[in-house]
Amino acid sequence: MQDLATLETSLNALGQRGDMAAAVQQFYADDCAFQEGNNPARPGGKAAQLVYLADFFATVTKVNAIQLHGQAVGDNLTISEWTIDLATTNGPVLWNETIRRQWRDSKVVSERYYTAA
C-alpha cells in the first residue's frame, strides 16, 4: 500500500487541475460512497459519480479558481479544504468546501463533502 499522504497529494493535484474524473478513475473504489453534507450517500458508487461529474462539468463555462488550502492525514482518513469558484450555465458557483475521505487498500471508499456556499 502506498503512503496515504502521497496518495492524497496526488489525488488533490488532479483536483487542482480540475480533472476530477481522472481522480475518481484512479483513486476511488468501485463501490465508493459519495455524500453531500447530511444528505444520504448517492447510489451507484464510482460509475454513478463519473456520470454526476460529467453532467455537472457540462454546465461549467469558466473555471475562475480551484484552490487547495491544506490537507491533513490521519488513520485511513484524509481531509482537504478547498475554495472552488466557477461560472456555469446555471449561474456562479462559489464553494468553500471540506472533503473527508476514508481509505482502504490505497482507494477511497467513502467521500463526504461539507460545503458552505
C-alpha atoms as a PDB file:
ATOM      1  CA  MET A   1       0.000   0.000   0.000  1.00  0.00           C
ATOM      2  CA  GLN A   2       1.273   3.451  -0.881  1.00  0.00           C
ATOM      3  CA  ASP A   3       1.812   6.133   1.732  1.00  0.00           C
ATOM      4  CA  LEU A   4      -1.526   7.845   2.442  1.00  0.00           C
ATOM      5  CA  ALA A   5      -0.056  11.364   2.351  1.00  0.00           C
ATOM      6  CA  THR A   6       1.378  10.663  -1.119  1.00  0.00           C
ATOM      7  CA  LEU A   7      -1.964   9.302  -2.335  1.00  0.00           C
ATOM      8  CA  GLU A   8      -3.859  12.326  -1.000  1.00  0.00           C
ATOM      9  CA  THR A   9      -1.356  14.753  -2.516  1.00  0.00           C
ATOM     10  CA  SER A  10      -1.586  13.039  -5.916  1.00  0.00           C
ATOM     11  CA  LEU A  11      -5.396  12.965  -5.805  1.00  0.00           C
ATOM     12  CA  ASN A  12      -5.561  16.646  -4.812  1.00  0.00           C
ATOM     13  CA  ALA A  13      -3.162  17.593  -7.634  1.00  0.00           C
ATOM     14  CA  LEU A  14      -5.709  16.220 -10.129  1.00  0.00           C
ATOM     15  CA  GLY A  15      -8.441  18.173  -8.353  1.00  0.00           C
ATOM     16  CA  GLN A  16      -6.437  21.393  -8.592  1.00  0.00           C
ATOM     17  CA  ARG A  17      -6.202  20.864 -12.356  1.00  0.00           C
ATOM     18  CA  GLY A  18      -9.974  20.343 -12.476  1.00  0.00           C
ATOM     19  CA  ASP A  19      -9.585  16.729 -13.582  1.00  0.00           C
ATOM     20  CA  MET A  20     -11.991  15.191 -11.085  1.00  0.00           C
ATOM     21  CA  ALA A  21     -12.962  12.360 -13.437  1.00  0.00           C
ATOM     22  CA  ALA A  22      -9.340  11.181 -13.658  1.00  0.00           C
ATOM     23  CA  ALA A  23      -9.074  11.420  -9.866  1.00  0.00           C
ATOM     24  CA  VAL A  24     -12.161   9.231  -9.431  1.00  0.00           C
ATOM     25  CA  GLN A  25     -10.919   6.720 -12.040  1.00  0.00           C
ATOM     26  CA  GLN A  26      -7.506   6.391 -10.420  1.00  0.00           C
ATOM     27  CA  PHE A  27      -8.108   6.699  -6.679  1.00  0.00           C
ATOM     28  CA  TYR A  28     -11.659   5.525  -5.856  1.00  0.00           C
ATOM     29  CA  ALA A  29     -13.030   2.066  -5.106  1.00  0.00           C
ATOM     30  CA  ASP A  30     -15.818   0.877  -7.407  1.00  0.00           C
ATOM     31  CA  ASP A  31     -18.296   0.883  -4.507  1.00  0.00           C
ATOM     32  CA  CYS A  32     -17.173   4.217  -3.043  1.00  0.00           C
ATOM     33  CA  ALA A  33     -19.896   6.166  -1.225  1.00  0.00           C
ATOM     34  CA  PHE A  34     -20.252   9.879  -2.095  1.00  0.00           C
ATOM     35  CA  GLN A  35     -22.193  12.021   0.372  1.00  0.00           C
ATOM     36  CA  GLU A  36     -23.059  15.737   0.406  1.00  0.00           C
ATOM     37  CA  GLY A  37     -23.255  17.015   3.989  1.00  0.00           C
ATOM     38  CA  ASN A  38     -26.106  15.321   5.864  1.00  0.00           C
ATOM     39  CA  ASN A  39     -27.846  14.024   2.724  1.00  0.00           C
ATOM     40  CA  PRO A  40     -27.863  10.265   2.131  1.00  0.00           C
ATOM     41  CA  ALA A  41     -24.988   8.935   0.045  1.00  0.00           C
ATOM     42  CA  ARG A  42     -25.680   8.956  -3.694  1.00  0.00           C
ATOM     43  CA  PRO A  43     -26.280   5.440  -5.024  1.00  0.00           C
ATOM     44  CA  GLY A  44     -24.200   3.824  -7.744  1.00  0.00           C
ATOM     45  CA  GLY A  45     -20.630   4.156  -6.483  1.00  0.00           C
ATOM     46  CA  LYS A  46     -17.788   5.226  -8.751  1.00  0.00           C
ATOM     47  CA  ALA A  47     -19.689   4.716 -12.022  1.00  0.00           C
ATOM     48  CA  ALA A  48     -22.533   6.984 -10.892  1.00  0.00           C
ATOM     49  CA  GLN A  49     -20.051   9.600  -9.636  1.00  0.00           C
ATOM     50  CA  LEU A  50     -18.427   9.750 -13.069  1.00  0.00           C
ATOM     51  CA  VAL A  51     -21.844  10.420 -14.647  1.00  0.00           C
ATOM     52  CA  TYR A  52     -22.596  13.031 -11.955  1.00  0.00           C
ATOM     53  CA  LEU A  53     -19.294  14.812 -12.647  1.00  0.00           C
ATOM     54  CA  ALA A  54     -19.785  14.729 -16.428  1.00  0.00           C
ATOM     55  CA  ASP A  55     -23.264  16.227 -16.064  1.00  0.00           C
ATOM     56  CA  PHE A  56     -22.041  18.924 -13.681  1.00  0.00           C
ATOM     57  CA  PHE A  57     -18.945  19.906 -15.672  1.00  0.00           C
ATOM     58  CA  ALA A  58     -21.004  20.115 -18.862  1.00  0.00           C
ATOM     59  CA  THR A  59     -22.570  23.227 -17.261  1.00  0.00           C
ATOM     60  CA  VAL A  60     -19.220  24.890 -16.432  1.00  0.00           C
ATOM     61  CA  THR A  61     -18.406  27.790 -18.731  1.00  0.00           C
ATOM     62  CA  LYS A  62     -15.354  29.102 -16.860  1.00  0.00           C
ATOM     63  CA  VAL A  63     -13.125  27.974 -14.024  1.00  0.00           C
ATOM     64  CA  ASN A  64     -12.206  31.075 -12.044  1.00  0.00           C
ATOM     65  CA  ALA A  65     -10.254  29.250  -9.330  1.00  0.00           C
ATOM     66  CA  ILE A  66      -9.775  25.873  -7.723  1.00  0.00           C
ATOM     67  CA  GLN A  67      -7.636  26.405  -4.654  1.00  0.00           C
ATOM     68  CA  LEU A  68      -6.441  23.809  -2.179  1.00  0.00           C
ATOM     69  CA  HIS A  69      -5.851  25.466   1.189  1.00  0.00           C
ATOM     70  CA  GLY A  70      -4.493  22.438   3.024  1.00  0.00           C
ATOM     71  CA  GLN A  71      -4.771  18.759   3.717  1.00  0.00           C
ATOM     72  CA  ALA A  72      -4.474  16.523   6.753  1.00  0.00           C
ATOM     73  CA  VAL A  73      -3.761  12.818   7.007  1.00  0.00           C
ATOM     74  CA  GLY A  74      -4.875  10.506   9.805  1.00  0.00           C
ATOM     75  CA  ASP A  75      -5.570   6.813  10.314  1.00  0.00           C
ATOM     76  CA  ASN A  76      -7.015   5.779   6.908  1.00  0.00           C
ATOM     77  CA  LEU A  77      -8.618   9.229   6.797  1.00  0.00           C
ATOM     78  CA  THR A  78      -7.736  12.406   4.915  1.00  0.00           C
ATOM     79  CA  ILE A  79      -9.252  15.865   4.939  1.00  0.00           C
ATOM     80  CA  SER A  80      -8.703  18.643   2.426  1.00  0.00           C
ATOM     81  CA  GLU A  81     -10.001  22.200   2.369  1.00  0.00           C
ATOM     82  CA  TRP A  82     -10.897  23.935  -0.898  1.00  0.00           C
ATOM     83  CA  THR A  83     -12.310  27.056  -2.474  1.00  0.00           C
ATOM     84  CA  ILE A  84     -13.977  26.388  -5.836  1.00  0.00           C
ATOM     85  CA  ASP A  85     -15.112  29.338  -7.960  1.00  0.00           C
ATOM     86  CA  LEU A  86     -16.874  28.521 -11.249  1.00  0.00           C
ATOM     87  CA  ALA A  87     -19.150  30.140 -13.804  1.00  0.00           C
ATOM     88  CA  THR A  88     -21.875  27.766 -15.002  1.00  0.00           C
ATOM     89  CA  THR A  89     -24.877  27.922 -17.280  1.00  0.00           C
ATOM     90  CA  ASN A  90     -26.927  27.886 -14.055  1.00  0.00           C
ATOM     91  CA  GLY A  91     -25.080  30.889 -12.584  1.00  0.00           C
ATOM     92  CA  PRO A  92     -21.965  31.341 -10.467  1.00  0.00           C
ATOM     93  CA  VAL A  93     -20.761  28.654  -8.066  1.00  0.00           C
ATOM     94  CA  LEU A  94     -18.588  29.595  -5.111  1.00  0.00           C
ATOM     95  CA  TRP A  95     -17.930  26.773  -2.680  1.00  0.00           C
ATOM     96  CA  ASN A  96     -15.786  26.733   0.405  1.00  0.00           C
ATOM     97  CA  GLU A  97     -15.557  23.009   0.905  1.00  0.00           C
ATOM     98  CA  THR A  98     -14.006  20.473   3.220  1.00  0.00           C
ATOM     99  CA  ILE A  99     -13.718  16.946   1.848  1.00  0.00           C
ATOM    100  CA  ARG A 100     -13.360  13.974   4.195  1.00  0.00           C
ATOM    101  CA  ARG A 101     -12.087  10.754   2.623  1.00  0.00           C
ATOM    102  CA  GLN A 102     -11.862   7.283   4.141  1.00  0.00           C
ATOM    103  CA  TRP A 103      -9.292   4.973   2.524  1.00  0.00           C
ATOM    104  CA  ARG A 104      -8.825   1.199   2.323  1.00  0.00           C
ATOM    105  CA  ASP A 105      -6.143  -0.607   0.304  1.00  0.00           C
ATOM    106  CA  SER A 106      -4.974   2.642  -1.360  1.00  0.00           C
ATOM    107  CA  LYS A 107      -8.500   3.517  -2.576  1.00  0.00           C
ATOM    108  CA  VAL A 108     -11.089   5.999  -1.344  1.00  0.00           C
ATOM    109  CA  VAL A 109     -14.100   4.043  -0.051  1.00  0.00           C
ATOM    110  CA  SER A 110     -16.089   7.000   1.282  1.00  0.00           C
ATOM    111  CA  GLU A 111     -16.043  10.682   0.440  1.00  0.00           C
ATOM    112  CA  ARG A 112     -18.137  13.284   2.230  1.00  0.00           C
ATOM    113  CA  TYR A 113     -18.412  16.958   1.294  1.00  0.00           C
ATOM    114  CA  TYR A 114     -19.064  19.760   3.775  1.00  0.00           C
ATOM    115  CA  THR A 115     -19.825  22.852   1.722  1.00  0.00           C
ATOM    116  CA  ALA A 116     -20.541  26.466   2.574  1.00  0.00           C
ATOM    117  CA  ALA A 117     -21.737  28.455  -0.443  1.00  0.00           C
END
